[in-house]
């Protein structure tokens, strides 16, 4: 049986967090260029294992540091994936795109 446990990132420094039937791809700013490669890798893995990626449930969130005086432009949105500013994860925990430290 194939499970998401066998799905891994393609680029060192990126991370894949999995909980029940949810999988979260985390791409830090230093690897921003790799998010499309990671999505392509996920698509190939899904097809190879005769699964389906539910794009209707797929979301993208770009975090920003609200303390920075000069805001950096976010990367271009990923095609067919909704970009959001809040995301409900893990048992109803909601995260926002603004980092407060």
PDB file of N, CA and C in Angstrom:
ATOM      1  N   UNK A   1       0.839  -1.190   0.000  1.00  0.00           N
ATOM      2  CA  UNK A   1       0.000   0.000   0.000  1.00  0.00           C
ATOM      3  C   UNK A   1       0.880   1.248   0.000  1.00  0.00           C
ATOM      4  N   UNK A   2       0.587   2.157  -0.887  1.00  0.00           N
ATOM      5  CA  UNK A   2       1.330   3.408  -0.988  1.00  0.00           C
ATOM      6  C   UNK A   2       0.670   4.442  -0.099  1.00  0.00           C
ATOM      7  N   UNK A   3       1.474   5.102   0.726  1.00  0.00           N
ATOM      8  CA  UNK A   3       0.961   6.178   1.570  1.00  0.00           C
ATOM      9  C   UNK A   3       1.846   7.410   1.396  1.00  0.00           C
ATOM     10  N   UNK A   4       1.390   8.519   1.926  1.00  0.00           N
ATOM     11  CA  UNK A   4       2.150   9.772   1.836  1.00  0.00           C
ATOM     12  C   UNK A   4       3.486   9.679   2.565  1.00  0.00           C
ATOM     13  N   UNK A   5       3.680   8.646   3.390  1.00  0.00           N
ATOM     14  CA  UNK A   5       4.954   8.474   4.083  1.00  0.00           C
ATOM     15  C   UNK A   5       6.103   8.337   3.085  1.00  0.00           C
ATOM     16  N   UNK A   6       5.796   7.872   1.866  1.00  0.00           N
ATOM     17  CA  UNK A   6       6.818   7.685   0.845  1.00  0.00           C
ATOM     18  C   UNK A   6       7.038   8.930  -0.018  1.00  0.00           C
ATOM     19  N   UNK A   7       6.282   9.972   0.216  1.00  0.00           N
ATOM     20  CA  UNK A   7       6.412  11.223  -0.529  1.00  0.00           C
ATOM     21  C   UNK A   7       7.443  12.097   0.182  1.00  0.00           C
ATOM     22  N   UNK A   8       8.460  12.515  -0.551  1.00  0.00           N
ATOM     23  CA  UNK A   8       9.536  13.318   0.038  1.00  0.00           C
ATOM     24  C   UNK A   8       9.830  14.538  -0.830  1.00  0.00           C
ATOM     25  N   UNK A   9      10.515  15.509  -0.243  1.00  0.00           N
ATOM     26  CA  UNK A   9      10.900  16.704  -0.992  1.00  0.00           C
ATOM     27  C   UNK A   9      12.013  16.366  -1.968  1.00  0.00           C
ATOM     28  N   UNK A  10      12.119  17.167  -3.001  1.00  0.00           N
ATOM     29  CA  UNK A  10      13.158  16.972  -4.013  1.00  0.00           C
ATOM     30  C   UNK A  10      14.385  17.840  -3.736  1.00  0.00           C
ATOM     31  N   UNK A  11      14.177  18.962  -3.060  1.00  0.00           N
ATOM     32  CA  UNK A  11      15.247  19.947  -2.849  1.00  0.00           C
ATOM     33  C   UNK A  11      15.631  19.995  -1.369  1.00  0.00           C
ATOM     34  N   UNK A  12      16.919  19.796  -1.032  1.00  0.00           N
ATOM     35  CA  UNK A  12      17.347  19.912   0.363  1.00  0.00           C
ATOM     36  C   UNK A  12      17.011  21.289   0.933  1.00  0.00           C
ATOM     37  N   UNK A  13      16.561  21.322   2.168  1.00  0.00           N
ATOM     38  CA  UNK A  13      16.175  22.572   2.819  1.00  0.00           C
ATOM     39  C   UNK A  13      14.681  22.770   2.840  1.00  0.00           C
ATOM     40  N   UNK A  14      13.962  22.170   1.894  1.00  0.00           N
ATOM     41  CA  UNK A  14      12.500  22.185   1.921  1.00  0.00           C
ATOM     42  C   UNK A  14      12.045  21.090   2.874  1.00  0.00           C
ATOM     43  N   UNK A  15      10.792  21.140   3.283  1.00  0.00           N
ATOM     44  CA  UNK A  15      10.280  20.143   4.232  1.00  0.00           C
ATOM     45  C   UNK A  15       8.880  19.702   3.840  1.00  0.00           C
ATOM     46  N   UNK A  16       8.553  18.496   4.230  1.00  0.00           N
ATOM     47  CA  UNK A  16       7.227  17.942   3.994  1.00  0.00           C
ATOM     48  C   UNK A  16       6.704  17.511   5.359  1.00  0.00           C
ATOM     49  N   UNK A  17       5.604  18.107   5.788  1.00  0.00           N
ATOM     50  CA  UNK A  17       4.972  17.740   7.053  1.00  0.00           C
ATOM     51  C   UNK A  17       3.674  17.011   6.733  1.00  0.00           C
ATOM     52  N   UNK A  18       3.474  15.883   7.403  1.00  0.00           N
ATOM     53  CA  UNK A  18       2.303  15.056   7.109  1.00  0.00           C
ATOM     54  C   UNK A  18       1.557  14.755   8.397  1.00  0.00           C
ATOM     55  N   UNK A  19       0.233  14.843   8.323  1.00  0.00           N
ATOM     56  CA  UNK A  19      -0.617  14.537   9.469  1.00  0.00           C
ATOM     57  C   UNK A  19      -1.914  13.960   8.928  1.00  0.00           C
ATOM     58  N   UNK A  20      -2.216  12.722   9.301  1.00  0.00           N
ATOM     59  CA  UNK A  20      -3.405  12.016   8.816  1.00  0.00           C
ATOM     60  C   UNK A  20      -3.415  12.064   7.290  1.00  0.00           C
ATOM     61  N   UNK A  21      -4.445  12.641   6.696  1.00  0.00           N
ATOM     62  CA  UNK A  21      -4.503  12.691   5.231  1.00  0.00           C
ATOM     63  C   UNK A  21      -4.118  14.056   4.671  1.00  0.00           C
ATOM     64  N   UNK A  22      -3.443  14.878   5.466  1.00  0.00           N
ATOM     65  CA  UNK A  22      -2.986  16.194   5.020  1.00  0.00           C
ATOM     66  C   UNK A  22      -1.469  16.196   4.876  1.00  0.00           C
ATOM     67  N   UNK A  23      -0.985  16.855   3.842  1.00  0.00           N
ATOM     68  CA  UNK A  23       0.451  16.992   3.616  1.00  0.00           C
ATOM     69  C   UNK A  23       0.745  18.460   3.370  1.00  0.00           C
ATOM     70  N   UNK A  24       1.788  18.973   4.025  1.00  0.00           N
ATOM     71  CA  UNK A  24       2.175  20.377   3.908  1.00  0.00           C
ATOM     72  C   UNK A  24       3.589  20.455   3.361  1.00  0.00           C
ATOM     73  N   UNK A  25       3.753  21.169   2.259  1.00  0.00           N
ATOM     74  CA  UNK A  25       5.063  21.416   1.677  1.00  0.00           C
ATOM     75  C   UNK A  25       5.524  22.773   2.189  1.00  0.00           C
ATOM     76  N   UNK A  26       6.710  22.817   2.774  1.00  0.00           N
ATOM     77  CA  UNK A  26       7.255  24.067   3.309  1.00  0.00           C
ATOM     78  C   UNK A  26       8.515  24.401   2.530  1.00  0.00           C
ATOM     79  N   UNK A  27       8.484  25.566   1.895  1.00  0.00           N
ATOM     80  CA  UNK A  27       9.614  26.027   1.091  1.00  0.00           C
ATOM     81  C   UNK A  27      10.088  27.352   1.686  1.00  0.00           C
ATOM     82  N   UNK A  28      11.289  27.374   2.290  1.00  0.00           N
ATOM     83  CA  UNK A  28      11.780  28.631   2.865  1.00  0.00           C
ATOM     84  C   UNK A  28      12.181  29.622   1.782  1.00  0.00           C
ATOM     85  N   UNK A  29      12.291  30.871   2.176  1.00  0.00           N
ATOM     86  CA  UNK A  29      12.614  31.941   1.229  1.00  0.00           C
ATOM     87  C   UNK A  29      13.892  31.647   0.448  1.00  0.00           C
ATOM     88  N   UNK A  30      14.879  31.034   1.103  1.00  0.00           N
ATOM     89  CA  UNK A  30      16.148  30.764   0.411  1.00  0.00           C
ATOM     90  C   UNK A  30      15.979  29.741  -0.715  1.00  0.00           C
ATOM     91  N   UNK A  31      14.884  28.982  -0.721  1.00  0.00           N
ATOM     92  CA  UNK A  31      14.606  28.004  -1.778  1.00  0.00           C
ATOM     93  C   UNK A  31      13.391  28.398  -2.610  1.00  0.00           C
ATOM     94  N   UNK A  32      13.008  29.643  -2.552  1.00  0.00           N
ATOM     95  CA  UNK A  32      11.798  30.118  -3.236  1.00  0.00           C
ATOM     96  C   UNK A  32      11.718  29.650  -4.690  1.00  0.00           C
ATOM     97  N   UNK A  33      12.850  29.602  -5.360  1.00  0.00           N
ATOM     98  CA  UNK A  33      12.894  29.195  -6.762  1.00  0.00           C
ATOM     99  C   UNK A  33      12.423  27.752  -6.976  1.00  0.00           C
ATOM    100  N   UNK A  34      12.398  26.943  -5.911  1.00  0.00           N
ATOM    101  CA  UNK A  34      12.149  25.507  -6.056  1.00  0.00           C
ATOM    102  C   UNK A  34      10.687  25.102  -5.905  1.00  0.00           C
ATOM    103  N   UNK A  35       9.796  26.035  -5.610  1.00  0.00           N
ATOM    104  CA  UNK A  35       8.418  25.613  -5.311  1.00  0.00           C
ATOM    105  C   UNK A  35       7.744  24.948  -6.511  1.00  0.00           C
ATOM    106  N   UNK A  36       8.050  25.391  -7.721  1.00  0.00           N
ATOM    107  CA  UNK A  36       7.458  24.761  -8.904  1.00  0.00           C
ATOM    108  C   UNK A  36       8.020  23.356  -9.116  1.00  0.00           C
ATOM    109  N   UNK A  37       9.321  23.183  -8.887  1.00  0.00           N
ATOM    110  CA  UNK A  37       9.924  21.855  -8.999  1.00  0.00           C
ATOM    111  C   UNK A  37       9.309  20.894  -7.991  1.00  0.00           C
ATOM    112  N   UNK A  38       9.070  21.382  -6.790  1.00  0.00           N
ATOM    113  CA  UNK A  38       8.459  20.536  -5.761  1.00  0.00           C
ATOM    114  C   UNK A  38       7.040  20.135  -6.167  1.00  0.00           C
ATOM    115  N   UNK A  39       6.276  21.079  -6.675  1.00  0.00           N
ATOM    116  CA  UNK A  39       4.908  20.763  -7.100  1.00  0.00           C
ATOM    117  C   UNK A  39       4.912  19.761  -8.253  1.00  0.00           C
ATOM    118  N   UNK A  40       5.841  19.933  -9.184  1.00  0.00           N
ATOM    119  CA  UNK A  40       5.950  18.985 -10.296  1.00  0.00           C
ATOM    120  C   UNK A  40       6.310  17.595  -9.776  1.00  0.00           C
ATOM    121  N   UNK A  41       7.213  17.532  -8.794  1.00  0.00           N
ATOM    122  CA  UNK A  41       7.593  16.252  -8.191  1.00  0.00           C
ATOM    123  C   UNK A  41       6.415  15.574  -7.503  1.00  0.00           C
ATOM    124  N   UNK A  42       5.595  16.364  -6.836  1.00  0.00           N
ATOM    125  CA  UNK A  42       4.402  15.822  -6.181  1.00  0.00           C
ATOM    126  C   UNK A  42       3.443  15.276  -7.228  1.00  0.00           C
ATOM    127  N   UNK A  43       3.246  16.024  -8.310  1.00  0.00           N
ATOM    128  CA  UNK A  43       2.364  15.575  -9.393  1.00  0.00           C
ATOM    129  C   UNK A  43       2.843  14.239  -9.975  1.00  0.00           C
ATOM    130  N   UNK A  44       4.133  14.108 -10.216  1.00  0.00           N
ATOM    131  CA  UNK A  44       4.680  12.865 -10.762  1.00  0.00           C
ATOM    132  C   UNK A  44       4.467  11.726  -9.777  1.00  0.00           C
ATOM    133  N   UNK A  45       4.749  11.957  -8.492  1.00  0.00           N
ATOM    134  CA  UNK A  45       4.569  10.928  -7.468  1.00  0.00           C
ATOM    135  C   UNK A  45       3.114  10.479  -7.409  1.00  0.00           C
ATOM    136  N   UNK A  46       2.192  11.434  -7.443  1.00  0.00           N
ATOM    137  CA  UNK A  46       0.757  11.129  -7.389  1.00  0.00           C
ATOM    138  C   UNK A  46       0.363  10.259  -8.592  1.00  0.00           C
ATOM    139  N   UNK A  47       0.786  10.652  -9.785  1.00  0.00           N
ATOM    140  CA  UNK A  47       0.439   9.889 -10.992  1.00  0.00           C
ATOM    141  C   UNK A  47       1.072   8.505 -10.989  1.00  0.00           C
ATOM    142  N   UNK A  48       2.336   8.427 -10.578  1.00  0.00           N
ATOM    143  CA  UNK A  48       3.046   7.144 -10.535  1.00  0.00           C
ATOM    144  C   UNK A  48       2.351   6.163  -9.604  1.00  0.00           C
ATOM    145  N   UNK A  49       1.788   6.672  -8.527  1.00  0.00           N
ATOM    146  CA  UNK A  49       1.145   5.817  -7.522  1.00  0.00           C
ATOM    147  C   UNK A  49      -0.368   5.730  -7.700  1.00  0.00           C
ATOM    148  N   UNK A  50      -0.841   6.140  -8.879  1.00  0.00           N
ATOM    149  CA  UNK A  50      -2.262   6.028  -9.231  1.00  0.00           C
ATOM    150  C   UNK A  50      -3.172   6.690  -8.187  1.00  0.00           C
ATOM    151  N   UNK A  51      -2.747   7.877  -7.766  1.00  0.00           N
ATOM    152  CA  UNK A  51      -3.522   8.672  -6.815  1.00  0.00           C
ATOM    153  C   UNK A  51      -3.977   9.944  -7.519  1.00  0.00           C
ATOM    154  N   UNK A  52      -4.699  10.777  -6.800  1.00  0.00           N
ATOM    155  CA  UNK A  52      -5.166  12.036  -7.379  1.00  0.00           C
ATOM    156  C   UNK A  52      -4.877  13.176  -6.408  1.00  0.00           C
ATOM    157  N   UNK A  53      -4.313  14.248  -6.927  1.00  0.00           N
ATOM    158  CA  UNK A  53      -4.099  15.458  -6.142  1.00  0.00           C
ATOM    159  C   UNK A  53      -5.351  16.305  -6.265  1.00  0.00           C
ATOM    160  N   UNK A  54      -5.995  16.582  -5.162  1.00  0.00           N
ATOM    161  CA  UNK A  54      -7.219  17.370  -5.174  1.00  0.00           C
ATOM    162  C   UNK A  54      -6.852  18.848  -5.175  1.00  0.00           C
ATOM    163  N   UNK A  55      -6.745  19.427  -6.351  1.00  0.00           N
ATOM    164  CA  UNK A  55      -6.368  20.844  -6.473  1.00  0.00           C
ATOM    165  C   UNK A  55      -7.417  21.770  -5.856  1.00  0.00           C
ATOM    166  N   UNK A  56      -8.650  21.313  -5.735  1.00  0.00           N
ATOM    167  CA  UNK A  56      -9.684  22.138  -5.094  1.00  0.00           C
ATOM    168  C   UNK A  56      -9.405  22.337  -3.610  1.00  0.00           C
ATOM    169  N   UNK A  57      -8.627  21.448  -3.014  1.00  0.00           N
ATOM    170  CA  UNK A  57      -8.277  21.572  -1.597  1.00  0.00           C
ATOM    171  C   UNK A  57      -6.850  22.065  -1.389  1.00  0.00           C
ATOM    172  N   UNK A  58      -6.123  22.291  -2.481  1.00  0.00           N
ATOM    173  CA  UNK A  58      -4.737  22.727  -2.387  1.00  0.00           C
ATOM    174  C   UNK A  58      -4.681  24.241  -2.220  1.00  0.00           C
ATOM    175  N   UNK A  59      -3.898  24.692  -1.243  1.00  0.00           N
ATOM    176  CA  UNK A  59      -3.754  26.127  -0.961  1.00  0.00           C
ATOM    177  C   UNK A  59      -2.281  26.482  -0.850  1.00  0.00           C
ATOM    178  N   UNK A  60      -1.982  27.741  -1.126  1.00  0.00           N
ATOM    179  CA  UNK A  60      -0.634  28.270  -0.980  1.00  0.00           C
ATOM    180  C   UNK A  60      -0.697  29.460  -0.040  1.00  0.00           C
ATOM    181  N   UNK A  61       0.238  29.493   0.915  1.00  0.00           N
ATOM    182  CA  UNK A  61       0.323  30.642   1.819  1.00  0.00           C
ATOM    183  C   UNK A  61       1.774  31.106   1.822  1.00  0.00           C
ATOM    184  N   UNK A  62       1.979  32.401   1.685  1.00  0.00           N
ATOM    185  CA  UNK A  62       3.317  32.988   1.690  1.00  0.00           C
ATOM    186  C   UNK A  62       3.426  33.800   2.968  1.00  0.00           C
ATOM    187  N   UNK A  63       4.376  33.412   3.812  1.00  0.00           N
ATOM    188  CA  UNK A  63       4.560  34.112   5.083  1.00  0.00           C
ATOM    189  C   UNK A  63       5.436  35.330   4.875  1.00  0.00           C
ATOM    190  N   UNK A  64       5.142  36.362   5.661  1.00  0.00           N
ATOM    191  CA  UNK A  64       5.955  37.573   5.610  1.00  0.00           C
ATOM    192  C   UNK A  64       6.237  38.028   7.029  1.00  0.00           C
ATOM    193  N   UNK A  65       7.373  38.677   7.202  1.00  0.00           N
ATOM    194  CA  UNK A  65       7.780  39.188   8.510  1.00  0.00           C
ATOM    195  C   UNK A  65       7.288  40.625   8.620  1.00  0.00           C
ATOM    196  N   UNK A  66       6.313  40.853   9.490  1.00  0.00           N
ATOM    197  CA  UNK A  66       5.706  42.181   9.612  1.00  0.00           C
ATOM    198  C   UNK A  66       6.667  43.216  10.210  1.00  0.00           C
ATOM    199  N   UNK A  67       7.791  42.770  10.761  1.00  0.00           N
ATOM    200  CA  UNK A  67       8.751  43.700  11.356  1.00  0.00           C
ATOM    201  C   UNK A  67       9.655  44.348  10.322  1.00  0.00           C
ATOM    202  N   UNK A  68       9.740  43.759   9.143  1.00  0.00           N
ATOM    203  CA  UNK A  68      10.614  44.314   8.107  1.00  0.00           C
ATOM    204  C   UNK A  68      10.066  45.638   7.606  1.00  0.00           C
ATOM    205  N   UNK A  69      10.944  46.620   7.521  1.00  0.00           N
ATOM    206  CA  UNK A  69      10.526  47.921   7.004  1.00  0.00           C
ATOM    207  C   UNK A  69      10.347  47.855   5.483  1.00  0.00           C
ATOM    208  N   UNK A  70      11.187  47.086   4.818  1.00  0.00           N
ATOM    209  CA  UNK A  70      11.106  46.936   3.370  1.00  0.00           C
ATOM    210  C   UNK A  70      10.483  45.568   3.069  1.00  0.00           C
ATOM    211  N   UNK A  71       9.255  45.583   2.584  1.00  0.00           N
ATOM    212  CA  UNK A  71       8.573  44.333   2.284  1.00  0.00           C
ATOM    213  C   UNK A  71       9.068  43.772   0.954  1.00  0.00           C
ATOM    214  N   UNK A  72       9.365  42.495   0.961  1.00  0.00           N
ATOM    215  CA  UNK A  72       9.836  41.804  -0.233  1.00  0.00           C
ATOM    216  C   UNK A  72       8.622  41.347  -1.031  1.00  0.00           C
ATOM    217  N   UNK A  73       8.690  41.451  -2.339  1.00  0.00           N
ATOM    218  CA  UNK A  73       7.582  40.998  -3.185  1.00  0.00           C
ATOM    219  C   UNK A  73       7.480  39.481  -3.108  1.00  0.00           C
ATOM    220  N   UNK A  74       6.272  38.964  -2.954  1.00  0.00           N
ATOM    221  CA  UNK A  74       6.110  37.510  -2.904  1.00  0.00           C
ATOM    222  C   UNK A  74       6.348  36.908  -4.287  1.00  0.00           C
ATOM    223  N   UNK A  75       6.634  35.605  -4.332  1.00  0.00           N
ATOM    224  CA  UNK A  75       6.810  34.964  -5.634  1.00  0.00           C
ATOM    225  C   UNK A  75       5.496  34.967  -6.399  1.00  0.00           C
ATOM    226  N   UNK A  76       5.552  34.788  -7.702  1.00  0.00           N
ATOM    227  CA  UNK A  76       4.303  34.746  -8.470  1.00  0.00           C
ATOM    228  C   UNK A  76       3.444  33.580  -8.008  1.00  0.00           C
ATOM    229  N   UNK A  77       2.121  33.718  -8.052  1.00  0.00           N
ATOM    230  CA  UNK A  77       1.235  32.639  -7.613  1.00  0.00           C
ATOM    231  C   UNK A  77       1.428  31.392  -8.477  1.00  0.00           C
ATOM    232  N   UNK A  78       1.182  30.251  -7.874  1.00  0.00           N
ATOM    233  CA  UNK A  78       1.237  28.984  -8.585  1.00  0.00           C
ATOM    234  C   UNK A  78      -0.076  28.804  -9.346  1.00  0.00           C
ATOM    235  N   UNK A  79       0.015  28.429 -10.603  1.00  0.00           N
ATOM    236  CA  UNK A  79      -1.185  28.260 -11.435  1.00  0.00           C
ATOM    237  C   UNK A  79      -2.127  27.237 -10.829  1.00  0.00           C
ATOM    238  N   UNK A  80      -3.401  27.524 -10.872  1.00  0.00           N
ATOM    239  CA  UNK A  80      -4.461  26.609 -10.414  1.00  0.00           C
ATOM    240  C   UNK A  80      -4.456  26.342  -8.913  1.00  0.00           C
ATOM    241  N   UNK A  81      -3.663  27.093  -8.145  1.00  0.00           N
ATOM    242  CA  UNK A  81      -3.652  26.915  -6.690  1.00  0.00           C
ATOM    243  C   UNK A  81      -3.991  28.252  -6.050  1.00  0.00           C
ATOM    244  N   UNK A  82      -4.989  28.241  -5.198  1.00  0.00           N
ATOM    245  CA  UNK A  82      -5.437  29.474  -4.534  1.00  0.00           C
ATOM    246  C   UNK A  82      -4.414  29.914  -3.498  1.00  0.00           C
ATOM    247  N   UNK A  83      -4.044  31.205  -3.538  1.00  0.00           N
ATOM    248  CA  UNK A  83      -3.162  31.779  -2.526  1.00  0.00           C
ATOM    249  C   UNK A  83      -4.035  32.397  -1.443  1.00  0.00           C
ATOM    250  N   UNK A  84      -3.759  32.058  -0.191  1.00  0.00           N
ATOM    251  CA  UNK A  84      -4.568  32.524   0.936  1.00  0.00           C
ATOM    252  C   UNK A  84      -3.689  33.249   1.948  1.00  0.00           C
ATOM    253  N   UNK A  85      -4.325  33.987   2.857  1.00  0.00           N
ATOM    254  CA  UNK A  85      -3.591  34.667   3.933  1.00  0.00           C
ATOM    255  C   UNK A  85      -3.772  33.969   5.274  1.00  0.00           C
ATOM    256  N   UNK A  86      -4.758  33.088   5.370  1.00  0.00           N
ATOM    257  CA  UNK A  86      -4.940  32.255   6.557  1.00  0.00           C
ATOM    258  C   UNK A  86      -5.170  30.822   6.103  1.00  0.00           C
ATOM    259  N   UNK A  87      -4.780  29.880   6.957  1.00  0.00           N
ATOM    260  CA  UNK A  87      -4.890  28.479   6.611  1.00  0.00           C
ATOM    261  C   UNK A  87      -5.226  27.692   7.868  1.00  0.00           C
ATOM    262  N   UNK A  88      -6.281  26.896   7.801  1.00  0.00           N
ATOM    263  CA  UNK A  88      -6.659  26.051   8.925  1.00  0.00           C
ATOM    264  C   UNK A  88      -5.939  24.715   8.779  1.00  0.00           C
ATOM    265  N   UNK A  89      -5.154  24.363   9.794  1.00  0.00           N
ATOM    266  CA  UNK A  89      -4.366  23.130   9.751  1.00  0.00           C
ATOM    267  C   UNK A  89      -4.582  22.335  11.029  1.00  0.00           C
ATOM    268  N   UNK A  90      -4.080  21.149  11.068  1.00  0.00           N
ATOM    269  CA  UNK A  90      -4.000  20.299  12.254  1.00  0.00           C
ATOM    270  C   UNK A  90      -5.075  20.550  13.310  1.00  0.00           C
ATOM    271  N   UNK A  91      -6.147  19.848  13.200  1.00  0.00           N
ATOM    272  CA  UNK A  91      -7.211  19.876  14.208  1.00  0.00           C
ATOM    273  C   UNK A  91      -7.775  21.274  14.449  1.00  0.00           C
ATOM    274  N   UNK A  92      -7.886  22.055  13.399  1.00  0.00           N
ATOM    275  CA  UNK A  92      -8.543  23.349  13.516  1.00  0.00           C
ATOM    276  C   UNK A  92      -7.654  24.507  13.909  1.00  0.00           C
ATOM    277  N   UNK A  93      -6.343  24.322  13.978  1.00  0.00           N
ATOM    278  CA  UNK A  93      -5.431  25.420  14.268  1.00  0.00           C
ATOM    279  C   UNK A  93      -5.361  26.304  13.024  1.00  0.00           C
ATOM    280  N   UNK A  94      -5.519  27.609  13.204  1.00  0.00           N
ATOM    281  CA  UNK A  94      -5.461  28.534  12.084  1.00  0.00           C
ATOM    282  C   UNK A  94      -4.156  29.320  12.142  1.00  0.00           C
ATOM    283  N   UNK A  95      -3.452  29.372  11.014  1.00  0.00           N
ATOM    284  CA  UNK A  95      -2.233  30.172  10.925  1.00  0.00           C
ATOM    285  C   UNK A  95      -2.475  31.300   9.931  1.00  0.00           C
ATOM    286  N   UNK A  96      -1.726  32.393  10.109  1.00  0.00           N
ATOM    287  CA  UNK A  96      -1.841  33.529   9.191  1.00  0.00           C
ATOM    288  C   UNK A  96      -0.494  33.754   8.525  1.00  0.00           C
ATOM    289  N   UNK A  97      -0.480  34.565   7.481  1.00  0.00           N
ATOM    290  CA  UNK A  97       0.740  34.776   6.725  1.00  0.00           C
ATOM    291  C   UNK A  97       1.672  35.812   7.345  1.00  0.00           C
ATOM    292  N   UNK A  98       1.315  36.430   8.452  1.00  0.00           N
ATOM    293  CA  UNK A  98       2.158  37.418   9.099  1.00  0.00           C
ATOM    294  C   UNK A  98       2.875  36.784  10.279  1.00  0.00           C
ATOM    295  N   UNK A  99       4.188  36.881  10.302  1.00  0.00           N
ATOM    296  CA  UNK A  99       5.005  36.276  11.343  1.00  0.00           C
ATOM    297  C   UNK A  99       5.225  37.297  12.457  1.00  0.00           C
ATOM    298  N   UNK A 100       4.882  36.919  13.664  1.00  0.00           N
ATOM    299  CA  UNK A 100       5.147  37.742  14.843  1.00  0.00           C
ATOM    300  C   UNK A 100       6.090  36.990  15.754  1.00  0.00           C
ATOM    301  N   UNK A 101       7.251  37.568  16.026  1.00  0.00           N
ATOM    302  CA  UNK A 101       8.224  36.893  16.897  1.00  0.00           C
ATOM    303  C   UNK A 101       8.492  37.733  18.110  1.00  0.00           C
TER     304      UNK A 101
END
